[in-house]
Amino acid sequence: MSSIKRTAADKFSSLRNAVANEILSMTDEEILVDARNNELDPNEIALTMKSKAMDMIANIRKQKLKNIRENLNTAKPKLVKSNIILSIEEKKKKILEFFAKPNTNYSLAFRNGERQSDSDWESLWDDIIEQGLLDNENSDD
């Protein structure tokens, strides 16, 4: 006898391996006959196994999606919303100051020299902020 004491987990692992090896050594027909002799329905067993496999796949996909969402949220730049709301006149001033800078590579032109509506200025402001050309916190830097 061996002087090594086996734990219950070791014994269970050995038993599980022995059962797996026995099943793997059987032909498909032998497995079906054995199942029927033990009053088991092979189709029901197959459906149960398929259902468990599909549940496992769904859980893995959910976890992957959760990880992707977490990674995206981590990667998003931290948006700091300012409590300061600029008037349209302040936005116009900041836009014109931006385009008037001597070393800017950007220019501003209006069609036929027409006057721009407030919504045009708001849209331009949003585009400039979205492009990161101006800071939405509206500092005078």
N, C-alpha and C. Protein backbone atom coordinates (compact mmCIF):
# COMPACT_ATOMS: atom_id res chain seq x y z
N MET A 1 0.83 -1.19 0.00
CA MET A 1 0.00 0.00 0.00
C MET A 1 0.86 1.24 0.00
N SER A 2 0.33 2.23 -0.59
CA SER A 2 1.04 3.50 -0.67
C SER A 2 0.90 4.25 0.63
N SER A 3 1.97 4.96 0.99
CA SER A 3 1.92 5.74 2.22
C SER A 3 1.29 7.11 1.97
N ILE A 4 0.99 7.42 0.74
CA ILE A 4 0.37 8.71 0.41
C ILE A 4 -1.12 8.62 0.65
N LYS A 5 -1.62 9.54 1.47
CA LYS A 5 -3.07 9.56 1.74
C LYS A 5 -3.75 10.39 0.67
N ARG A 6 -4.80 9.84 0.13
CA ARG A 6 -5.53 10.53 -0.93
C ARG A 6 -6.73 11.24 -0.32
N THR A 7 -6.94 12.44 -0.76
CA THR A 7 -8.08 13.21 -0.27
C THR A 7 -9.32 12.80 -1.05
N ALA A 8 -10.45 13.24 -0.59
CA ALA A 8 -11.71 12.94 -1.26
C ALA A 8 -11.70 13.56 -2.67
N ALA A 9 -11.11 14.73 -2.80
CA ALA A 9 -11.04 15.38 -4.11
C ALA A 9 -10.19 14.56 -5.07
N ASP A 10 -9.09 14.00 -4.58
CA ASP A 10 -8.24 13.15 -5.42
C ASP A 10 -9.00 11.90 -5.87
N LYS A 11 -9.72 11.29 -4.93
CA LYS A 11 -10.49 10.08 -5.25
C LYS A 11 -11.58 10.40 -6.28
N PHE A 12 -12.26 11.52 -6.09
CA PHE A 12 -13.31 11.92 -7.02
C PHE A 12 -12.73 12.19 -8.40
N SER A 13 -11.59 12.84 -8.46
CA SER A 13 -10.93 13.14 -9.73
C SER A 13 -10.55 11.84 -10.45
N SER A 14 -10.02 10.89 -9.70
CA SER A 14 -9.65 9.60 -10.29
C SER A 14 -10.87 8.87 -10.82
N LEU A 15 -11.96 8.89 -10.06
CA LEU A 15 -13.20 8.24 -10.48
C LEU A 15 -13.75 8.90 -11.75
N ARG A 16 -13.74 10.24 -11.76
CA ARG A 16 -14.23 10.98 -12.92
C ARG A 16 -13.41 10.64 -14.16
N ASN A 17 -12.09 10.57 -14.01
CA ASN A 17 -11.21 10.22 -15.13
C ASN A 17 -11.47 8.79 -15.62
N ALA A 18 -11.70 7.88 -14.69
CA ALA A 18 -11.97 6.48 -15.07
C ALA A 18 -13.27 6.38 -15.85
N VAL A 19 -14.30 7.08 -15.39
CA VAL A 19 -15.59 7.05 -16.08
C VAL A 19 -15.45 7.67 -17.47
N ALA A 20 -14.74 8.79 -17.56
CA ALA A 20 -14.54 9.44 -18.86
C ALA A 20 -13.79 8.52 -19.81
N ASN A 21 -12.76 7.85 -19.32
CA ASN A 21 -11.99 6.93 -20.17
C ASN A 21 -12.85 5.76 -20.64
N GLU A 22 -13.71 5.26 -19.75
CA GLU A 22 -14.57 4.15 -20.12
C GLU A 22 -15.55 4.57 -21.21
N ILE A 23 -16.14 5.76 -21.04
CA ILE A 23 -17.10 6.25 -22.04
C ILE A 23 -16.41 6.49 -23.38
N LEU A 24 -15.23 7.07 -23.34
CA LEU A 24 -14.49 7.34 -24.58
C LEU A 24 -14.08 6.06 -25.30
N SER A 25 -13.94 4.97 -24.56
CA SER A 25 -13.54 3.71 -25.20
C SER A 25 -14.72 2.97 -25.81
N MET A 26 -15.95 3.41 -25.50
CA MET A 26 -17.16 2.74 -26.02
C MET A 26 -17.53 3.31 -27.39
N THR A 27 -18.17 2.47 -28.20
CA THR A 27 -18.68 2.93 -29.49
C THR A 27 -20.01 3.65 -29.25
N ASP A 28 -20.46 4.38 -30.25
CA ASP A 28 -21.74 5.09 -30.12
C ASP A 28 -22.89 4.11 -29.85
N GLU A 29 -22.86 2.97 -30.55
CA GLU A 29 -23.93 1.98 -30.37
C GLU A 29 -23.92 1.44 -28.94
N GLU A 30 -22.74 1.18 -28.39
CA GLU A 30 -22.63 0.67 -27.01
C GLU A 30 -23.18 1.69 -26.01
N ILE A 31 -22.91 2.95 -26.27
CA ILE A 31 -23.41 4.00 -25.37
C ILE A 31 -24.93 4.06 -25.42
N LEU A 32 -25.51 3.99 -26.63
CA LEU A 32 -26.97 4.02 -26.76
C LEU A 32 -27.62 2.82 -26.08
N VAL A 33 -27.05 1.61 -26.27
CA VAL A 33 -27.58 0.40 -25.64
C VAL A 33 -27.50 0.53 -24.13
N ASP A 34 -26.38 0.98 -23.63
CA ASP A 34 -26.19 1.15 -22.17
C ASP A 34 -27.21 2.14 -21.60
N ALA A 35 -27.44 3.23 -22.33
CA ALA A 35 -28.41 4.23 -21.86
C ALA A 35 -29.80 3.63 -21.81
N ARG A 36 -30.19 2.91 -22.86
CA ARG A 36 -31.53 2.30 -22.90
C ARG A 36 -31.69 1.23 -21.82
N ASN A 37 -30.62 0.45 -21.58
CA ASN A 37 -30.67 -0.57 -20.52
C ASN A 37 -30.86 0.06 -19.15
N ASN A 38 -30.40 1.28 -18.99
CA ASN A 38 -30.57 1.98 -17.71
C ASN A 38 -31.81 2.89 -17.73
N GLU A 39 -32.70 2.61 -18.71
CA GLU A 39 -33.96 3.32 -18.85
C GLU A 39 -33.77 4.84 -19.01
N LEU A 40 -32.75 5.21 -19.77
CA LEU A 40 -32.49 6.62 -20.06
C LEU A 40 -32.84 6.88 -21.53
N ASP A 41 -33.36 8.08 -21.79
CA ASP A 41 -33.70 8.45 -23.17
C ASP A 41 -32.53 9.25 -23.76
N PRO A 42 -31.83 8.65 -24.74
CA PRO A 42 -30.67 9.34 -25.33
C PRO A 42 -31.02 10.70 -25.93
N ASN A 43 -32.22 10.81 -26.51
CA ASN A 43 -32.63 12.10 -27.08
C ASN A 43 -32.79 13.17 -26.00
N GLU A 44 -33.36 12.78 -24.88
CA GLU A 44 -33.54 13.72 -23.76
C GLU A 44 -32.17 14.14 -23.20
N ILE A 45 -31.28 13.19 -23.10
CA ILE A 45 -29.92 13.49 -22.62
C ILE A 45 -29.23 14.46 -23.57
N ALA A 46 -29.39 14.19 -24.87
CA ALA A 46 -28.77 15.06 -25.88
C ALA A 46 -29.34 16.47 -25.80
N LEU A 47 -30.67 16.58 -25.64
CA LEU A 47 -31.29 17.91 -25.53
C LEU A 47 -30.83 18.65 -24.27
N THR A 48 -30.71 17.91 -23.17
CA THR A 48 -30.24 18.51 -21.92
C THR A 48 -28.81 19.02 -22.08
N MET A 49 -27.97 18.20 -22.70
CA MET A 49 -26.57 18.60 -22.90
C MET A 49 -26.48 19.81 -23.83
N LYS A 50 -27.30 19.79 -24.89
CA LYS A 50 -27.31 20.91 -25.83
C LYS A 50 -27.76 22.19 -25.12
N SER A 51 -28.80 22.08 -24.31
CA SER A 51 -29.31 23.23 -23.59
C SER A 51 -28.25 23.80 -22.63
N LYS A 52 -27.56 22.92 -21.93
CA LYS A 52 -26.50 23.37 -21.01
C LYS A 52 -25.36 24.02 -21.79
N ALA A 53 -25.01 23.44 -22.93
CA ALA A 53 -23.94 24.01 -23.75
C ALA A 53 -24.34 25.39 -24.26
N MET A 54 -25.59 25.54 -24.70
CA MET A 54 -26.07 26.83 -25.20
C MET A 54 -26.08 27.87 -24.07
N ASP A 55 -26.47 27.45 -22.87
CA ASP A 55 -26.45 28.37 -21.72
C ASP A 55 -25.02 28.82 -21.43
N MET A 56 -24.08 27.89 -21.50
CA MET A 56 -22.68 28.24 -21.24
C MET A 56 -22.17 29.22 -22.30
N ILE A 57 -22.52 28.97 -23.56
CA ILE A 57 -22.10 29.87 -24.64
C ILE A 57 -22.70 31.25 -24.44
N ALA A 58 -23.98 31.31 -24.08
CA ALA A 58 -24.64 32.60 -23.85
C ALA A 58 -23.98 33.35 -22.71
N ASN A 59 -23.66 32.64 -21.63
CA ASN A 59 -23.00 33.29 -20.49
C ASN A 59 -21.63 33.82 -20.85
N ILE A 60 -20.88 33.05 -21.64
CA ILE A 60 -19.55 33.50 -22.07
C ILE A 60 -19.69 34.73 -22.95
N ARG A 61 -20.65 34.73 -23.86
CA ARG A 61 -20.85 35.90 -24.73
C ARG A 61 -21.28 37.12 -23.93
N LYS A 62 -22.15 36.92 -22.94
CA LYS A 62 -22.57 38.04 -22.08
C LYS A 62 -21.38 38.61 -21.33
N GLN A 63 -20.51 37.73 -20.82
CA GLN A 63 -19.34 38.19 -20.10
C GLN A 63 -18.40 38.95 -21.01
N LYS A 64 -18.21 38.44 -22.24
CA LYS A 64 -17.36 39.14 -23.21
C LYS A 64 -17.92 40.53 -23.52
N LEU A 65 -19.24 40.60 -23.72
CA LEU A 65 -19.88 41.88 -24.01
C LEU A 65 -19.72 42.83 -22.83
N LYS A 66 -19.88 42.31 -21.63
CA LYS A 66 -19.71 43.13 -20.43
C LYS A 66 -18.28 43.67 -20.36
N ASN A 67 -17.30 42.80 -20.64
CA ASN A 67 -15.90 43.23 -20.63
C ASN A 67 -15.63 44.29 -21.69
N ILE A 68 -16.21 44.11 -22.86
CA ILE A 68 -16.03 45.09 -23.94
C ILE A 68 -16.62 46.43 -23.53
N ARG A 69 -17.82 46.40 -22.95
CA ARG A 69 -18.45 47.65 -22.49
C ARG A 69 -17.60 48.34 -21.43
N GLU A 70 -17.07 47.56 -20.49
CA GLU A 70 -16.22 48.14 -19.45
C GLU A 70 -14.97 48.76 -20.06
N ASN A 71 -14.37 48.06 -21.04
CA ASN A 71 -13.18 48.59 -21.70
C ASN A 71 -13.49 49.87 -22.46
N LEU A 72 -14.64 49.90 -23.12
CA LEU A 72 -15.03 51.12 -23.85
C LEU A 72 -15.27 52.28 -22.89
N ASN A 73 -15.95 51.98 -21.79
CA ASN A 73 -16.21 53.05 -20.81
C ASN A 73 -14.92 53.57 -20.21
N THR A 74 -13.95 52.68 -20.01
CA THR A 74 -12.66 53.09 -19.47
C THR A 74 -11.89 53.92 -20.50
N ALA A 75 -12.03 53.55 -21.76
CA ALA A 75 -11.29 54.22 -22.82
C ALA A 75 -11.89 55.57 -23.20
N LYS A 76 -13.16 55.79 -22.92
CA LYS A 76 -13.80 57.06 -23.26
C LYS A 76 -13.11 58.19 -22.50
N PRO A 77 -12.88 59.28 -23.18
CA PRO A 77 -12.32 60.41 -22.46
C PRO A 77 -13.33 60.89 -21.42
N LYS A 78 -12.81 61.27 -20.32
CA LYS A 78 -13.68 61.75 -19.25
C LYS A 78 -14.22 63.11 -19.66
N LEU A 79 -15.52 63.17 -19.87
CA LEU A 79 -16.15 64.41 -20.26
C LEU A 79 -16.54 65.18 -19.00
N VAL A 80 -16.02 66.36 -18.90
CA VAL A 80 -16.34 67.21 -17.77
C VAL A 80 -17.35 68.23 -18.26
N LYS A 81 -18.52 68.15 -17.74
CA LYS A 81 -19.54 69.09 -18.15
C LYS A 81 -19.43 70.34 -17.28
N SER A 82 -19.40 71.43 -17.97
CA SER A 82 -19.29 72.70 -17.28
C SER A 82 -20.67 73.17 -16.85
N ASN A 83 -20.73 73.77 -15.68
CA ASN A 83 -21.98 74.34 -15.22
C ASN A 83 -22.22 75.70 -15.86
N ILE A 84 -21.19 76.21 -16.54
CA ILE A 84 -21.30 77.52 -17.17
C ILE A 84 -21.97 77.35 -18.53
N ILE A 85 -23.02 78.08 -18.74
CA ILE A 85 -23.70 78.06 -20.02
C ILE A 85 -23.44 79.39 -20.69
N LEU A 86 -22.81 79.31 -21.86
CA LEU A 86 -22.48 80.53 -22.57
C LEU A 86 -23.67 81.00 -23.39
N SER A 87 -23.80 82.29 -23.48
CA SER A 87 -24.82 82.85 -24.36
C SER A 87 -24.34 82.73 -25.79
N ILE A 88 -25.23 82.91 -26.72
CA ILE A 88 -24.86 82.82 -28.13
C ILE A 88 -23.85 83.90 -28.48
N GLU A 89 -23.96 85.05 -27.85
CA GLU A 89 -23.01 86.14 -28.13
C GLU A 89 -21.61 85.77 -27.65
N GLU A 90 -21.52 85.11 -26.48
CA GLU A 90 -20.22 84.67 -25.97
C GLU A 90 -19.62 83.59 -26.88
N LYS A 91 -20.47 82.70 -27.36
CA LYS A 91 -20.00 81.65 -28.27
C LYS A 91 -19.48 82.26 -29.57
N LYS A 92 -20.22 83.23 -30.11
CA LYS A 92 -19.78 83.91 -31.34
C LYS A 92 -18.41 84.54 -31.13
N LYS A 93 -18.26 85.22 -29.99
CA LYS A 93 -17.00 85.89 -29.69
C LYS A 93 -15.85 84.89 -29.63
N LYS A 94 -16.06 83.78 -28.94
CA LYS A 94 -15.01 82.75 -28.81
C LYS A 94 -14.67 82.14 -30.17
N ILE A 95 -15.70 81.89 -30.99
CA ILE A 95 -15.47 81.33 -32.32
C ILE A 95 -14.64 82.28 -33.16
N LEU A 96 -15.03 83.57 -33.17
CA LEU A 96 -14.31 84.56 -33.97
C LEU A 96 -12.87 84.74 -33.47
N GLU A 97 -12.68 84.68 -32.13
CA GLU A 97 -11.32 84.78 -31.57
C GLU A 97 -10.48 83.59 -32.02
N PHE A 98 -11.08 82.41 -32.04
CA PHE A 98 -10.35 81.22 -32.46
C PHE A 98 -9.87 81.36 -33.90
N PHE A 99 -10.75 81.79 -34.79
CA PHE A 99 -10.39 81.91 -36.20
C PHE A 99 -9.47 83.10 -36.47
N ALA A 100 -9.43 84.05 -35.55
CA ALA A 100 -8.59 85.24 -35.73
C ALA A 100 -7.15 85.02 -35.26
N LYS A 101 -6.88 83.92 -34.58
CA LYS A 101 -5.52 83.66 -34.10
C LYS A 101 -4.56 83.63 -35.29
N PRO A 102 -3.36 84.23 -35.13
CA PRO A 102 -2.45 84.33 -36.27
C PRO A 102 -1.92 82.99 -36.78
N ASN A 103 -1.72 82.01 -35.94
CA ASN A 103 -1.12 80.74 -36.39
C ASN A 103 -2.14 79.63 -36.61
N THR A 104 -3.41 79.98 -36.69
CA THR A 104 -4.41 78.94 -36.89
C THR A 104 -4.39 78.46 -38.34
N ASN A 105 -4.67 77.20 -38.52
CA ASN A 105 -4.74 76.61 -39.87
C ASN A 105 -6.18 76.54 -40.35
N TYR A 106 -7.07 77.22 -39.66
CA TYR A 106 -8.49 77.16 -39.98
C TYR A 106 -8.97 78.53 -40.43
N SER A 107 -10.03 78.51 -41.23
CA SER A 107 -10.62 79.77 -41.66
C SER A 107 -12.14 79.64 -41.59
N LEU A 108 -12.78 80.78 -41.65
CA LEU A 108 -14.23 80.82 -41.53
C LEU A 108 -14.77 81.68 -42.66
N ALA A 109 -15.75 81.16 -43.36
CA ALA A 109 -16.36 81.93 -44.44
C ALA A 109 -17.86 81.65 -44.45
N PHE A 110 -18.62 82.66 -44.86
CA PHE A 110 -20.06 82.52 -44.94
C PHE A 110 -20.48 82.67 -46.40
N ARG A 111 -21.52 81.99 -46.78
CA ARG A 111 -21.99 82.06 -48.16
C ARG A 111 -22.49 83.46 -48.50
N ASN A 112 -22.01 83.93 -49.59
CA ASN A 112 -22.45 85.21 -50.12
C ASN A 112 -22.42 86.32 -49.07
N GLY A 113 -21.58 86.15 -48.06
CA GLY A 113 -21.48 87.17 -47.01
C GLY A 113 -22.75 87.33 -46.20
N GLU A 114 -23.62 86.32 -46.23
CA GLU A 114 -24.89 86.42 -45.53
C GLU A 114 -24.69 86.39 -44.02
N ARG A 115 -25.67 86.91 -43.33
CA ARG A 115 -25.68 86.90 -41.87
C ARG A 115 -26.08 85.50 -41.41
N GLN A 116 -25.41 85.00 -40.38
CA GLN A 116 -25.68 83.66 -39.87
C GLN A 116 -26.73 83.72 -38.76
N SER A 117 -27.60 82.73 -38.76
CA SER A 117 -28.61 82.65 -37.70
C SER A 117 -27.97 82.14 -36.42
N ASP A 118 -28.66 82.31 -35.31
CA ASP A 118 -28.16 81.80 -34.04
C ASP A 118 -27.99 80.29 -34.09
N SER A 119 -28.88 79.61 -34.80
CA SER A 119 -28.74 78.15 -34.88
C SER A 119 -27.51 77.76 -35.69
N ASP A 120 -27.13 78.58 -36.70
CA ASP A 120 -25.90 78.33 -37.45
C ASP A 120 -24.69 78.45 -36.52
N TRP A 121 -24.70 79.49 -35.68
CA TRP A 121 -23.60 79.69 -34.75
C TRP A 121 -23.54 78.55 -33.73
N GLU A 122 -24.70 78.11 -33.25
CA GLU A 122 -24.75 76.98 -32.29
C GLU A 122 -24.18 75.72 -32.95
N SER A 123 -24.57 75.47 -34.18
CA SER A 123 -24.09 74.30 -34.91
C SER A 123 -22.57 74.37 -35.10
N LEU A 124 -22.08 75.55 -35.48
CA LEU A 124 -20.63 75.74 -35.64
C LEU A 124 -19.92 75.53 -34.31
N TRP A 125 -20.47 76.07 -33.23
CA TRP A 125 -19.90 75.90 -31.89
C TRP A 125 -19.81 74.40 -31.55
N ASP A 126 -20.91 73.68 -31.76
CA ASP A 126 -20.93 72.24 -31.46
C ASP A 126 -19.88 71.49 -32.27
N ASP A 127 -19.75 71.85 -33.56
CA ASP A 127 -18.75 71.20 -34.42
C ASP A 127 -17.33 71.45 -33.91
N ILE A 128 -17.06 72.68 -33.53
CA ILE A 128 -15.72 73.05 -33.05
C ILE A 128 -15.40 72.33 -31.74
N ILE A 129 -16.38 72.28 -30.85
CA ILE A 129 -16.19 71.58 -29.56
C ILE A 129 -15.99 70.09 -29.82
N GLU A 130 -16.80 69.51 -30.69
CA GLU A 130 -16.69 68.07 -31.00
C GLU A 130 -15.33 67.73 -31.58
N GLN A 131 -14.78 68.63 -32.39
CA GLN A 131 -13.46 68.40 -32.99
C GLN A 131 -12.33 68.66 -31.99
N GLY A 132 -12.66 69.20 -30.82
CA GLY A 132 -11.64 69.46 -29.81
C GLY A 132 -10.82 70.70 -30.11
N LEU A 133 -11.32 71.57 -30.96
CA LEU A 133 -10.58 72.78 -31.30
C LEU A 133 -10.70 73.85 -30.23
N LEU A 134 -11.81 73.82 -29.50
CA LEU A 134 -12.00 74.71 -28.36
C LEU A 134 -12.39 73.88 -27.16
N ASP A 135 -12.06 74.38 -26.00
CA ASP A 135 -12.39 73.69 -24.76
C ASP A 135 -13.80 74.09 -24.34
N ASN A 136 -14.62 73.13 -24.04
CA ASN A 136 -16.00 73.41 -23.66
C ASN A 136 -16.11 74.06 -22.29
N GLU A 137 -15.02 74.03 -21.53
CA GLU A 137 -15.05 74.69 -20.23
C GLU A 137 -14.87 76.18 -20.38
N ASN A 138 -14.59 76.59 -21.61
CA ASN A 138 -14.61 78.01 -21.97
C ASN A 138 -13.58 78.84 -21.24
N SER A 139 -12.43 78.27 -20.98
CA SER A 139 -11.38 79.05 -20.35
C SER A 139 -10.79 79.99 -21.38
N ASP A 140 -10.13 81.04 -20.93
CA ASP A 140 -9.55 82.01 -21.85
C ASP A 140 -8.15 81.65 -22.24
N ASP A 141 -7.74 80.39 -22.08
CA ASP A 141 -6.38 79.94 -22.44
C ASP A 141 -6.14 80.07 -23.91
